[in-house]
Amino acid sequence: NYMMDTNASSNDLSTKCLVTGEGCIAPNMRPPATRVALDFNGPTRRGGRVTQSTDVTILDSSVQGNVADTYYAAKTFSQYNVNQDLQLFYREVTSLRRKENDVIDGKIR
């Protein structure tokens, strides 16, 4: 188990942690990450495919729980697409609700 600092600011970013383990704080890569950099092969507007890079950072997160057996988590992200010099901001909201017989109903928006 680990705890995430919900008061983290952009100055608290973790370093880039590659899949190979290079640059990771811990070799097993278990600490919660606030930043991820990805290289991927994707389509272009002009057709064809090219290797692109994106850098995503969690800017803010909050958690609320035990409101009528419902748990809410919200995360705000900044995504920078390097090749397109394009920065996006978006929010992800997760809700989990306990129903009868310990069935969990969940949504991510």
PDB file of N, CA and C in Angstrom:
ATOM      1  N   ASN A   1       0.838  -1.196   0.000  1.00  0.00           N
ATOM      2  CA  ASN A   1       0.000   0.000   0.000  1.00  0.00           C
ATOM      3  C   ASN A   1       0.874   1.248   0.000  1.00  0.00           C
ATOM      4  N   TYR A   2       0.370   2.307  -0.572  1.00  0.00           N
ATOM      5  CA  TYR A   2       1.096   3.561  -0.584  1.00  0.00           C
ATOM      6  C   TYR A   2       0.112   4.698  -0.460  1.00  0.00           C
ATOM      7  N   MET A   3       0.616   5.820  -0.017  1.00  0.00           N
ATOM      8  CA  MET A   3      -0.206   7.013   0.119  1.00  0.00           C
ATOM      9  C   MET A   3       0.215   8.007  -0.954  1.00  0.00           C
ATOM     10  N   MET A   4      -0.742   8.742  -1.470  1.00  0.00           N
ATOM     11  CA  MET A   4      -0.452   9.768  -2.464  1.00  0.00           C
ATOM     12  C   MET A   4      -0.723  11.114  -1.835  1.00  0.00           C
ATOM     13  N   ASP A   5       0.196  12.026  -1.974  1.00  0.00           N
ATOM     14  CA  ASP A   5       0.028  13.371  -1.447  1.00  0.00           C
ATOM     15  C   ASP A   5      -0.956  14.117  -2.328  1.00  0.00           C
ATOM     16  N   THR A   6      -2.154  14.366  -1.799  1.00  0.00           N
ATOM     17  CA  THR A   6      -3.182  15.039  -2.595  1.00  0.00           C
ATOM     18  C   THR A   6      -2.959  16.538  -2.643  1.00  0.00           C
ATOM     19  N   ASN A   7      -1.950  17.030  -1.935  1.00  0.00           N
ATOM     20  CA  ASN A   7      -1.627  18.452  -1.978  1.00  0.00           C
ATOM     21  C   ASN A   7      -0.398  18.713  -2.833  1.00  0.00           C
ATOM     22  N   ALA A   8      -0.063  17.765  -3.695  1.00  0.00           N
ATOM     23  CA  ALA A   8       1.141  17.903  -4.519  1.00  0.00           C
ATOM     24  C   ALA A   8       0.998  19.078  -5.476  1.00  0.00           C
ATOM     25  N   SER A   9       2.100  19.754  -5.706  1.00  0.00           N
ATOM     26  CA  SER A   9       2.095  20.849  -6.669  1.00  0.00           C
ATOM     27  C   SER A   9       3.020  20.483  -7.819  1.00  0.00           C
ATOM     28  N   SER A  10       3.048  21.316  -8.846  1.00  0.00           N
ATOM     29  CA  SER A  10       3.871  21.014 -10.012  1.00  0.00           C
ATOM     30  C   SER A  10       5.353  20.978  -9.667  1.00  0.00           C
ATOM     31  N   ASN A  11       5.746  21.534  -8.521  1.00  0.00           N
ATOM     32  CA  ASN A  11       7.143  21.473  -8.097  1.00  0.00           C
ATOM     33  C   ASN A  11       7.503  20.120  -7.498  1.00  0.00           C
ATOM     34  N   ASP A  12       6.494  19.268  -7.259  1.00  0.00           N
ATOM     35  CA  ASP A  12       6.710  17.970  -6.639  1.00  0.00           C
ATOM     36  C   ASP A  12       6.751  16.834  -7.668  1.00  0.00           C
ATOM     37  N   LEU A  13       7.026  17.144  -8.931  1.00  0.00           N
ATOM     38  CA  LEU A  13       6.991  16.134  -9.978  1.00  0.00           C
ATOM     39  C   LEU A  13       8.085  15.103  -9.790  1.00  0.00           C
ATOM     40  N   SER A  14       7.740  13.870 -10.091  1.00  0.00           N
ATOM     41  CA  SER A  14       8.760  12.832 -10.079  1.00  0.00           C
ATOM     42  C   SER A  14       9.559  12.938 -11.384  1.00  0.00           C
ATOM     43  N   THR A  15      10.732  12.320 -11.385  1.00  0.00           N
ATOM     44  CA  THR A  15      11.550  12.325 -12.601  1.00  0.00           C
ATOM     45  C   THR A  15      10.942  11.368 -13.615  1.00  0.00           C
ATOM     46  N   LYS A  16      11.373  11.476 -14.878  1.00  0.00           N
ATOM     47  CA  LYS A  16      10.902  10.537 -15.891  1.00  0.00           C
ATOM     48  C   LYS A  16      11.370   9.145 -15.515  1.00  0.00           C
ATOM     49  N   CYS A  17      10.462   8.185 -15.554  1.00  0.00           N
ATOM     50  CA  CYS A  17      10.748   6.796 -15.204  1.00  0.00           C
ATOM     51  C   CYS A  17      10.437   5.949 -16.423  1.00  0.00           C
ATOM     52  N   LEU A  18      11.469   5.404 -17.077  1.00  0.00           N
ATOM     53  CA  LEU A  18      11.296   4.627 -18.295  1.00  0.00           C
ATOM     54  C   LEU A  18      10.917   3.185 -17.970  1.00  0.00           C
ATOM     55  N   VAL A  19      10.291   2.509 -18.917  1.00  0.00           N
ATOM     56  CA  VAL A  19       9.883   1.118 -18.741  1.00  0.00           C
ATOM     57  C   VAL A  19      11.076   0.241 -18.389  1.00  0.00           C
ATOM     58  N   THR A  20      12.249   0.604 -18.876  1.00  0.00           N
ATOM     59  CA  THR A  20      13.465  -0.166 -18.592  1.00  0.00           C
ATOM     60  C   THR A  20      13.921  -0.004 -17.147  1.00  0.00           C
ATOM     61  N   GLY A  21      13.347   0.960 -16.412  1.00  0.00           N
ATOM     62  CA  GLY A  21      13.749   1.230 -15.039  1.00  0.00           C
ATOM     63  C   GLY A  21      14.698   2.409 -14.940  1.00  0.00           C
ATOM     64  N   GLU A  22      15.230   2.857 -16.078  1.00  0.00           N
ATOM     65  CA  GLU A  22      16.150   3.991 -16.091  1.00  0.00           C
ATOM     66  C   GLU A  22      15.436   5.259 -15.619  1.00  0.00           C
ATOM     67  N   GLY A  23      16.077   5.977 -14.699  1.00  0.00           N
ATOM     68  CA  GLY A  23      15.520   7.228 -14.197  1.00  0.00           C
ATOM     69  C   GLY A  23      14.497   7.049 -13.098  1.00  0.00           C
ATOM     70  N   CYS A  24      14.187   5.796 -12.713  1.00  0.00           N
ATOM     71  CA  CYS A  24      13.170   5.544 -11.693  1.00  0.00           C
ATOM     72  C   CYS A  24      13.740   5.736 -10.292  1.00  0.00           C
ATOM     73  N   ILE A  25      12.911   6.221  -9.395  1.00  0.00           N
ATOM     74  CA  ILE A  25      13.318   6.430  -8.007  1.00  0.00           C
ATOM     75  C   ILE A  25      13.632   5.091  -7.354  1.00  0.00           C
ATOM     76  N   ALA A  26      12.773   4.098  -7.600  1.00  0.00           N
ATOM     77  CA  ALA A  26      12.958   2.763  -7.036  1.00  0.00           C
ATOM     78  C   ALA A  26      12.994   1.752  -8.181  1.00  0.00           C
ATOM     79  N   PRO A  27      13.854   0.750  -8.092  1.00  0.00           N
ATOM     80  CA  PRO A  27      13.972  -0.219  -9.187  1.00  0.00           C
ATOM     81  C   PRO A  27      12.664  -0.941  -9.492  1.00  0.00           C
ATOM     82  N   ASN A  28      11.804  -1.156  -8.485  1.00  0.00           N
ATOM     83  CA  ASN A  28      10.551  -1.882  -8.729  1.00  0.00           C
ATOM     84  C   ASN A  28       9.438  -0.959  -9.223  1.00  0.00           C
ATOM     85  N   MET A  29       9.705   0.335  -9.368  1.00  0.00           N
ATOM     86  CA  MET A  29       8.781   1.322  -9.912  1.00  0.00           C
ATOM     87  C   MET A  29       7.433   1.341  -9.203  1.00  0.00           C
ATOM     88  N   ARG A  30       7.404   1.122  -7.894  1.00  0.00           N
ATOM     89  CA  ARG A  30       6.149   1.092  -7.166  1.00  0.00           C
ATOM     90  C   ARG A  30       5.678   2.449  -6.623  1.00  0.00           C
ATOM     91  N   PRO A  31       6.542   3.437  -6.410  1.00  0.00           N
ATOM     92  CA  PRO A  31       6.037   4.691  -5.865  1.00  0.00           C
ATOM     93  C   PRO A  31       5.009   5.311  -6.814  1.00  0.00           C
ATOM     94  N   PRO A  32       4.018   6.006  -6.268  1.00  0.00           N
ATOM     95  CA  PRO A  32       3.045   6.634  -7.160  1.00  0.00           C
ATOM     96  C   PRO A  32       3.727   7.659  -8.047  1.00  0.00           C
ATOM     97  N   ALA A  33       3.457   7.608  -9.314  1.00  0.00           N
ATOM     98  CA  ALA A  33       4.074   8.529 -10.265  1.00  0.00           C
ATOM     99  C   ALA A  33       3.140   9.700 -10.528  1.00  0.00           C
ATOM    100  N   THR A  34       3.709  10.882 -10.697  1.00  0.00           N
ATOM    101  CA  THR A  34       2.918  12.050 -11.057  1.00  0.00           C
ATOM    102  C   THR A  34       3.211  12.475 -12.482  1.00  0.00           C
ATOM    103  N   ARG A  35       4.138  11.781 -13.117  1.00  0.00           N
ATOM    104  CA  ARG A  35       4.532  12.156 -14.474  1.00  0.00           C
ATOM    105  C   ARG A  35       4.905  10.910 -15.269  1.00  0.00           C
ATOM    106  N   VAL A  36       4.528  10.902 -16.558  1.00  0.00           N
ATOM    107  CA  VAL A  36       4.900   9.802 -17.436  1.00  0.00           C
ATOM    108  C   VAL A  36       5.208  10.383 -18.814  1.00  0.00           C
ATOM    109  N   ALA A  37       6.251   9.879 -19.435  1.00  0.00           N
ATOM    110  CA  ALA A  37       6.618  10.285 -20.792  1.00  0.00           C
ATOM    111  C   ALA A  37       6.535   9.045 -21.672  1.00  0.00           C
ATOM    112  N   LEU A  38       5.840   9.164 -22.791  1.00  0.00           N
ATOM    113  CA  LEU A  38       5.638   8.030 -23.688  1.00  0.00           C
ATOM    114  C   LEU A  38       6.095   8.375 -25.098  1.00  0.00           C
ATOM    115  N   ASP A  39       6.695   7.418 -25.754  1.00  0.00           N
ATOM    116  CA  ASP A  39       6.948   7.486 -27.187  1.00  0.00           C
ATOM    117  C   ASP A  39       6.046   6.438 -27.818  1.00  0.00           C
ATOM    118  N   PHE A  40       5.325   6.797 -28.868  1.00  0.00           N
ATOM    119  CA  PHE A  40       4.410   5.862 -29.505  1.00  0.00           C
ATOM    120  C   PHE A  40       4.381   6.100 -31.001  1.00  0.00           C
ATOM    121  N   ASN A  41       4.005   5.065 -31.734  1.00  0.00           N
ATOM    122  CA  ASN A  41       3.880   5.156 -33.180  1.00  0.00           C
ATOM    123  C   ASN A  41       2.420   5.434 -33.484  1.00  0.00           C
ATOM    124  N   GLY A  42       2.129   6.595 -34.082  1.00  0.00           N
ATOM    125  CA  GLY A  42       0.746   6.972 -34.331  1.00  0.00           C
ATOM    126  C   GLY A  42       0.556   7.623 -35.683  1.00  0.00           C
ATOM    127  N   PRO A  43      -0.713   7.726 -36.097  1.00  0.00           N
ATOM    128  CA  PRO A  43      -1.013   8.312 -37.407  1.00  0.00           C
ATOM    129  C   PRO A  43      -0.828   9.831 -37.408  1.00  0.00           C
ATOM    130  N   THR A  44      -0.586  10.384 -38.576  1.00  0.00           N
ATOM    131  CA  THR A  44      -0.469  11.830 -38.733  1.00  0.00           C
ATOM    132  C   THR A  44      -1.670  12.346 -39.517  1.00  0.00           C
ATOM    133  N   ARG A  45      -1.893  13.652 -39.472  1.00  0.00           N
ATOM    134  CA  ARG A  45      -3.007  14.246 -40.229  1.00  0.00           C
ATOM    135  C   ARG A  45      -2.813  14.106 -41.729  1.00  0.00           C
ATOM    136  N   ARG A  46      -1.575  14.099 -42.169  1.00  0.00           N
ATOM    137  CA  ARG A  46      -1.277  14.012 -43.606  1.00  0.00           C
ATOM    138  C   ARG A  46      -1.227  12.578 -44.110  1.00  0.00           C
ATOM    139  N   GLY A  47      -1.462  11.641 -43.243  1.00  0.00           N
ATOM    140  CA  GLY A  47      -1.393  10.229 -43.619  1.00  0.00           C
ATOM    141  C   GLY A  47      -0.055   9.648 -43.219  1.00  0.00           C
ATOM    142  N   GLY A  48       0.015   8.361 -43.126  1.00  0.00           N
ATOM    143  CA  GLY A  48       1.243   7.714 -42.684  1.00  0.00           C
ATOM    144  C   GLY A  48       1.329   7.663 -41.174  1.00  0.00           C
ATOM    145  N   ARG A  49       2.425   7.163 -40.699  1.00  0.00           N
ATOM    146  CA  ARG A  49       2.635   7.025 -39.252  1.00  0.00           C
ATOM    147  C   ARG A  49       4.008   7.583 -38.911  1.00  0.00           C
ATOM    148  N   VAL A  50       4.159   8.038 -37.659  1.00  0.00           N
ATOM    149  CA  VAL A  50       5.423   8.588 -37.192  1.00  0.00           C
ATOM    150  C   VAL A  50       5.529   8.333 -35.688  1.00  0.00           C
ATOM    151  N   THR A  51       6.755   8.189 -35.201  1.00  0.00           N
ATOM    152  CA  THR A  51       6.968   8.057 -33.765  1.00  0.00           C
ATOM    153  C   THR A  51       6.766   9.425 -33.121  1.00  0.00           C
ATOM    154  N   GLN A  52       5.865   9.485 -32.138  1.00  0.00           N
ATOM    155  CA  GLN A  52       5.535  10.726 -31.458  1.00  0.00           C
ATOM    156  C   GLN A  52       5.832  10.592 -29.971  1.00  0.00           C
ATOM    157  N   SER A  53       5.955  11.723 -29.287  1.00  0.00           N
ATOM    158  CA  SER A  53       6.230  11.740 -27.849  1.00  0.00           C
ATOM    159  C   SER A  53       5.180  12.562 -27.139  1.00  0.00           C
ATOM    160  N   THR A  54       4.794  12.104 -25.954  1.00  0.00           N
ATOM    161  CA  THR A  54       3.880  12.858 -25.112  1.00  0.00           C
ATOM    162  C   THR A  54       4.379  12.798 -23.676  1.00  0.00           C
ATOM    163  N   ASP A  55       4.138  13.840 -22.910  1.00  0.00           N
ATOM    164  CA  ASP A  55       4.563  13.958 -21.519  1.00  0.00           C
ATOM    165  C   ASP A  55       3.333  14.361 -20.711  1.00  0.00           C
ATOM    166  N   VAL A  56       2.884  13.479 -19.810  1.00  0.00           N
ATOM    167  CA  VAL A  56       1.663  13.710 -19.038  1.00  0.00           C
ATOM    168  C   VAL A  56       2.024  13.865 -17.562  1.00  0.00           C
ATOM    169  N   THR A  57       1.451  14.889 -16.925  1.00  0.00           N
ATOM    170  CA  THR A  57       1.712  15.174 -15.516  1.00  0.00           C
ATOM    171  C   THR A  57       0.391  15.346 -14.771  1.00  0.00           C
ATOM    172  N   ILE A  58       0.287  14.751 -13.583  1.00  0.00           N
ATOM    173  CA  ILE A  58      -0.864  14.996 -12.718  1.00  0.00           C
ATOM    174  C   ILE A  58      -0.622  16.326 -12.012  1.00  0.00           C
ATOM    175  N   LEU A  59      -1.511  17.280 -12.220  1.00  0.00           N
ATOM    176  CA  LEU A  59      -1.372  18.593 -11.601  1.00  0.00           C
ATOM    177  C   LEU A  59      -2.047  18.655 -10.244  1.00  0.00           C
ATOM    178  N   ASP A  60      -3.138  17.903 -10.082  1.00  0.00           N
ATOM    179  CA  ASP A  60      -3.902  17.954  -8.839  1.00  0.00           C
ATOM    180  C   ASP A  60      -4.712  16.676  -8.707  1.00  0.00           C
ATOM    181  N   SER A  61      -4.948  16.253  -7.483  1.00  0.00           N
ATOM    182  CA  SER A  61      -5.818  15.110  -7.247  1.00  0.00           C
ATOM    183  C   SER A  61      -6.560  15.307  -5.938  1.00  0.00           C
ATOM    184  N   SER A  62      -7.763  14.793  -5.885  1.00  0.00           N
ATOM    185  CA  SER A  62      -8.547  14.883  -4.656  1.00  0.00           C
ATOM    186  C   SER A  62      -9.381  13.618  -4.513  1.00  0.00           C
ATOM    187  N   VAL A  63      -9.718  13.294  -3.269  1.00  0.00           N
ATOM    188  CA  VAL A  63     -10.466  12.081  -2.962  1.00  0.00           C
ATOM    189  C   VAL A  63     -11.552  12.428  -1.955  1.00  0.00           C
ATOM    190  N   GLN A  64     -12.737  11.885  -2.169  1.00  0.00           N
ATOM    191  CA  GLN A  64     -13.839  11.992  -1.229  1.00  0.00           C
ATOM    192  C   GLN A  64     -14.413  10.610  -1.070  1.00  0.00           C
ATOM    193  N   GLY A  65     -14.749  10.254   0.145  1.00  0.00           N
ATOM    194  CA  GLY A  65     -15.290   8.925   0.346  1.00  0.00           C
ATOM    195  C   GLY A  65     -16.376   8.879   1.384  1.00  0.00           C
ATOM    196  N   ASN A  66     -17.057   7.734   1.411  1.00  0.00           N
ATOM    197  CA  ASN A  66     -18.085   7.428   2.390  1.00  0.00           C
ATOM    198  C   ASN A  66     -19.256   8.402   2.357  1.00  0.00           C
ATOM    199  N   VAL A  67     -19.606   8.870   1.183  1.00  0.00           N
ATOM    200  CA  VAL A  67     -20.816   9.669   1.008  1.00  0.00           C
ATOM    201  C   VAL A  67     -21.836   8.720   0.398  1.00  0.00           C
ATOM    202  N   ALA A  68     -22.740   8.199   1.228  1.00  0.00           N
ATOM    203  CA  ALA A  68     -23.730   7.208   0.778  1.00  0.00           C
ATOM    204  C   ALA A  68     -23.046   6.016   0.101  1.00  0.00           C
ATOM    205  N   ASP A  69     -21.983   5.502   0.744  1.00  0.00           N
ATOM    206  CA  ASP A  69     -21.216   4.367   0.206  1.00  0.00           C
ATOM    207  C   ASP A  69     -20.655   4.632  -1.179  1.00  0.00           C
ATOM    208  N   THR A  70     -20.291   5.890  -1.436  1.00  0.00           N
ATOM    209  CA  THR A  70     -19.720   6.273  -2.720  1.00  0.00           C
ATOM    210  C   THR A  70     -18.347   6.895  -2.503  1.00  0.00           C
ATOM    211  N   TYR A  71     -17.434   6.580  -3.391  1.00  0.00           N
ATOM    212  CA  TYR A  71     -16.071   7.064  -3.352  1.00  0.00           C
ATOM    213  C   TYR A  71     -15.812   7.823  -4.648  1.00  0.00           C
ATOM    214  N   TYR A  72     -15.297   9.038  -4.532  1.00  0.00           N
ATOM    215  CA  TYR A  72     -14.984   9.854  -5.706  1.00  0.00           C
ATOM    216  C   TYR A  72     -13.497  10.197  -5.705  1.00  0.00           C
ATOM    217  N   ALA A  73     -12.885  10.155  -6.877  1.00  0.00           N
ATOM    218  CA  ALA A  73     -11.503  10.590  -7.046  1.00  0.00           C
ATOM    219  C   ALA A  73     -11.451  11.449  -8.300  1.00  0.00           C
ATOM    220  N   ALA A  74     -10.781  12.591  -8.206  1.00  0.00           N
ATOM    221  CA  ALA A  74     -10.638  13.481  -9.360  1.00  0.00           C
ATOM    222  C   ALA A  74      -9.156  13.779  -9.551  1.00  0.00           C
ATOM    223  N   LYS A  75      -8.716  13.746 -10.797  1.00  0.00           N
ATOM    224  CA  LYS A  75      -7.330  14.068 -11.138  1.00  0.00           C
ATOM    225  C   LYS A  75      -7.341  15.065 -12.291  1.00  0.00           C
ATOM    226  N   THR A  76      -6.483  16.063 -12.204  1.00  0.00           N
ATOM    227  CA  THR A  76      -6.324  17.038 -13.269  1.00  0.00           C
ATOM    228  C   THR A  76      -4.964  16.803 -13.919  1.00  0.00           C
ATOM    229  N   PHE A  77      -4.947  16.727 -15.248  1.00  0.00           N
ATOM    230  CA  PHE A  77      -3.739  16.400 -15.993  1.00  0.00           C
ATOM    231  C   PHE A  77      -3.336  17.522 -16.938  1.00  0.00           C
ATOM    232  N   SER A  78      -2.037  17.594 -17.194  1.00  0.00           N
ATOM    233  CA  SER A  78      -1.484  18.390 -18.283  1.00  0.00           C
ATOM    234  C   SER A  78      -0.792  17.403 -19.204  1.00  0.00           C
ATOM    235  N   GLN A  79      -1.109  17.478 -20.490  1.00  0.00           N
ATOM    236  CA  GLN A  79      -0.485  16.592 -21.473  1.00  0.00           C
ATOM    237  C   GLN A  79       0.178  17.447 -22.537  1.00  0.00           C
ATOM    238  N   TYR A  80       1.472  17.247 -22.721  1.00  0.00           N
ATOM    239  CA  TYR A  80       2.222  17.992 -23.727  1.00  0.00           C
ATOM    240  C   TYR A  80       2.624  17.029 -24.835  1.00  0.00           C
ATOM    241  N   ASN A  81       2.129  17.269 -26.040  1.00  0.00           N
ATOM    242  CA  ASN A  81       2.499  16.472 -27.202  1.00  0.00           C
ATOM    243  C   ASN A  81       3.689  17.157 -27.876  1.00  0.00           C
ATOM    244  N   VAL A  82       4.855  16.577 -27.695  1.00  0.00           N
ATOM    245  CA  VAL A  82       6.121  17.183 -28.087  1.00  0.00           C
ATOM    246  C   VAL A  82       6.177  17.480 -29.587  1.00  0.00           C
ATOM    247  N   ASN A  83       5.863  16.501 -30.417  1.00  0.00           N
ATOM    248  CA  ASN A  83       5.992  16.670 -31.862  1.00  0.00           C
ATOM    249  C   ASN A  83       5.049  17.725 -32.430  1.00  0.00           C
ATOM    250  N   GLN A  84       3.910  17.904 -31.805  1.00  0.00           N
ATOM    251  CA  GLN A  84       2.921  18.862 -32.286  1.00  0.00           C
ATOM    252  C   GLN A  84       3.013  20.192 -31.545  1.00  0.00           C
ATOM    253  N   ASP A  85       3.892  20.270 -30.542  1.00  0.00           N
ATOM    254  CA  ASP A  85       4.002  21.453 -29.690  1.00  0.00           C
ATOM    255  C   ASP A  85       2.612  21.881 -29.211  1.00  0.00           C
ATOM    256  N   LEU A  86       1.863  20.906 -28.679  1.00  0.00           N
ATOM    257  CA  LEU A  86       0.479  21.106 -28.268  1.00  0.00           C
ATOM    258  C   LEU A  86       0.315  20.679 -26.813  1.00  0.00           C
ATOM    259  N   GLN A  87      -0.237  21.561 -25.980  1.00  0.00           N
ATOM    260  CA  GLN A  87      -0.476  21.243 -24.576  1.00  0.00           C
ATOM    261  C   GLN A  87      -1.974  21.177 -24.320  1.00  0.00           C
ATOM    262  N   LEU A  88      -2.407  20.115 -23.635  1.00  0.00           N
ATOM    263  CA  LEU A  88      -3.809  19.887 -23.314  1.00  0.00           C
ATOM    264  C   LEU A  88      -3.965  19.803 -21.804  1.00  0.00           C
ATOM    265  N   PHE A  89      -5.120  20.197 -21.308  1.00  0.00           N
ATOM    266  CA  PHE A  89      -5.466  20.042 -19.902  1.00  0.00           C
ATOM    267  C   PHE A  89      -6.785  19.288 -19.834  1.00  0.00           C
ATOM    268  N   TYR A  90      -6.871  18.314 -18.954  1.00  0.00           N
ATOM    269  CA  TYR A  90      -8.121  17.583 -18.808  1.00  0.00           C
ATOM    270  C   TYR A  90      -8.264  17.035 -17.399  1.00  0.00           C
ATOM    271  N   ARG A  91      -9.487  16.658 -17.050  1.00  0.00           N
ATOM    272  CA  ARG A  91      -9.806  16.145 -15.716  1.00  0.00           C
ATOM    273  C   ARG A  91     -10.466  14.785 -15.853  1.00  0.00           C
ATOM    274  N   GLU A  92     -10.047  13.857 -15.008  1.00  0.00           N
ATOM    275  CA  GLU A  92     -10.627  12.514 -14.959  1.00  0.00           C
ATOM    276  C   GLU A  92     -11.332  12.370 -13.615  1.00  0.00           C
ATOM    277  N   VAL A  93     -12.595  11.966 -13.635  1.00  0.00           N
ATOM    278  CA  VAL A  93     -13.361  11.762 -12.404  1.00  0.00           C
ATOM    279  C   VAL A  93     -13.772  10.298 -12.341  1.00  0.00           C
ATOM    280  N   THR A  94     -13.441   9.651 -11.237  1.00  0.00           N
ATOM    281  CA  THR A  94     -13.795   8.251 -11.003  1.00  0.00           C
ATOM    282  C   THR A  94     -14.796   8.187  -9.863  1.00  0.00           C
ATOM    283  N   SER A  95     -15.865   7.421 -10.040  1.00  0.00           N
ATOM    284  CA  SER A  95     -16.811   7.206  -8.942  1.00  0.00           C
ATOM    285  C   SER A  95     -17.023   5.706  -8.770  1.00  0.00           C
ATOM    286  N   LEU A  96     -16.995   5.275  -7.532  1.00  0.00           N
ATOM    287  CA  LEU A  96     -17.238   3.877  -7.185  1.00  0.00           C
ATOM    288  C   LEU A  96     -18.338   3.857  -6.125  1.00  0.00           C
ATOM    289  N   ARG A  97     -19.352   3.010  -6.343  1.00  0.00           N
ATOM    290  CA  ARG A  97     -20.465   2.948  -5.396  1.00  0.00           C
ATOM    291  C   ARG A  97     -20.715   1.500  -5.019  1.00  0.00           C
ATOM    292  N   ARG A  98     -20.807   1.259  -3.697  1.00  0.00           N
ATOM    293  CA  ARG A  98     -21.092  -0.091  -3.217  1.00  0.00           C
ATOM    294  C   ARG A  98     -22.594  -0.328  -3.318  1.00  0.00           C
ATOM    295  N   LYS A  99     -22.946  -1.432  -3.983  1.00  0.00           N
ATOM    296  CA  LYS A  99     -24.342  -1.812  -4.123  1.00  0.00           C
ATOM    297  C   LYS A  99     -24.605  -3.025  -3.238  1.00  0.00           C
ATOM    298  N   GLU A 100     -25.732  -3.628  -3.387  1.00  0.00           N
ATOM    299  CA  GLU A 100     -26.073  -4.809  -2.591  1.00  0.00           C
ATOM    300  C   GLU A 100     -25.093  -5.942  -2.851  1.00  0.00           C
ATOM    301  N   ASN A 101     -24.928  -6.797  -1.871  1.00  0.00           N
ATOM    302  CA  ASN A 101     -24.059  -7.986  -1.966  1.00  0.00           C
ATOM    303  C   ASN A 101     -22.625  -7.625  -2.311  1.00  0.00           C
ATOM    304  N   ASP A 102     -22.160  -6.468  -1.845  1.00  0.00           N
ATOM    305  CA  ASP A 102     -20.784  -6.005  -2.067  1.00  0.00           C
ATOM    306  C   ASP A 102     -20.396  -5.892  -3.537  1.00  0.00           C
ATOM    307  N   VAL A 103     -21.345  -5.653  -4.397  1.00  0.00           N
ATOM    308  CA  VAL A 103     -21.078  -5.389  -5.815  1.00  0.00           C
ATOM    309  C   VAL A 103     -20.676  -3.929  -5.933  1.00  0.00           C
ATOM    310  N   ILE A 104     -19.626  -3.652  -6.698  1.00  0.00           N
ATOM    311  CA  ILE A 104     -19.136  -2.282  -6.880  1.00  0.00           C
ATOM    312  C   ILE A 104     -19.493  -1.801  -8.278  1.00  0.00           C
ATOM    313  N   ASP A 105     -20.155  -0.654  -8.349  1.00  0.00           N
ATOM    314  CA  ASP A 105     -20.505  -0.021  -9.613  1.00  0.00           C
ATOM    315  C   ASP A 105     -19.538   1.135  -9.813  1.00  0.00           C
ATOM    316  N   GLY A 106     -18.826   1.188 -10.936  1.00  0.00           N
ATOM    317  CA  GLY A 106     -17.829   2.214 -11.147  1.00  0.00           C
ATOM    318  C   GLY A 106     -17.967   2.920 -12.484  1.00  0.00           C
ATOM    319  N   LYS A 107     -17.576   4.194 -12.498  1.00  0.00           N
ATOM    320  CA  LYS A 107     -17.577   4.985 -13.725  1.00  0.00           C
ATOM    321  C   LYS A 107     -16.326   5.851 -13.757  1.00  0.00           C
ATOM    322  N   ILE A 108     -15.771   6.015 -14.946  1.00  0.00           N
ATOM    323  CA  ILE A 108     -14.662   6.932 -15.154  1.00  0.00           C
ATOM    324  C   ILE A 108     -15.080   7.903 -16.255  1.00  0.00           C
ATOM    325  N   ARG A 109     -14.983   9.180 -15.968  1.00  0.00           N
ATOM    326  CA  ARG A 109     -15.356  10.206 -16.951  1.00  0.00           C
ATOM    327  C   ARG A 109     -14.222  11.144 -17.154  1.00  0.00           C
TER     328      ARG A 109
END
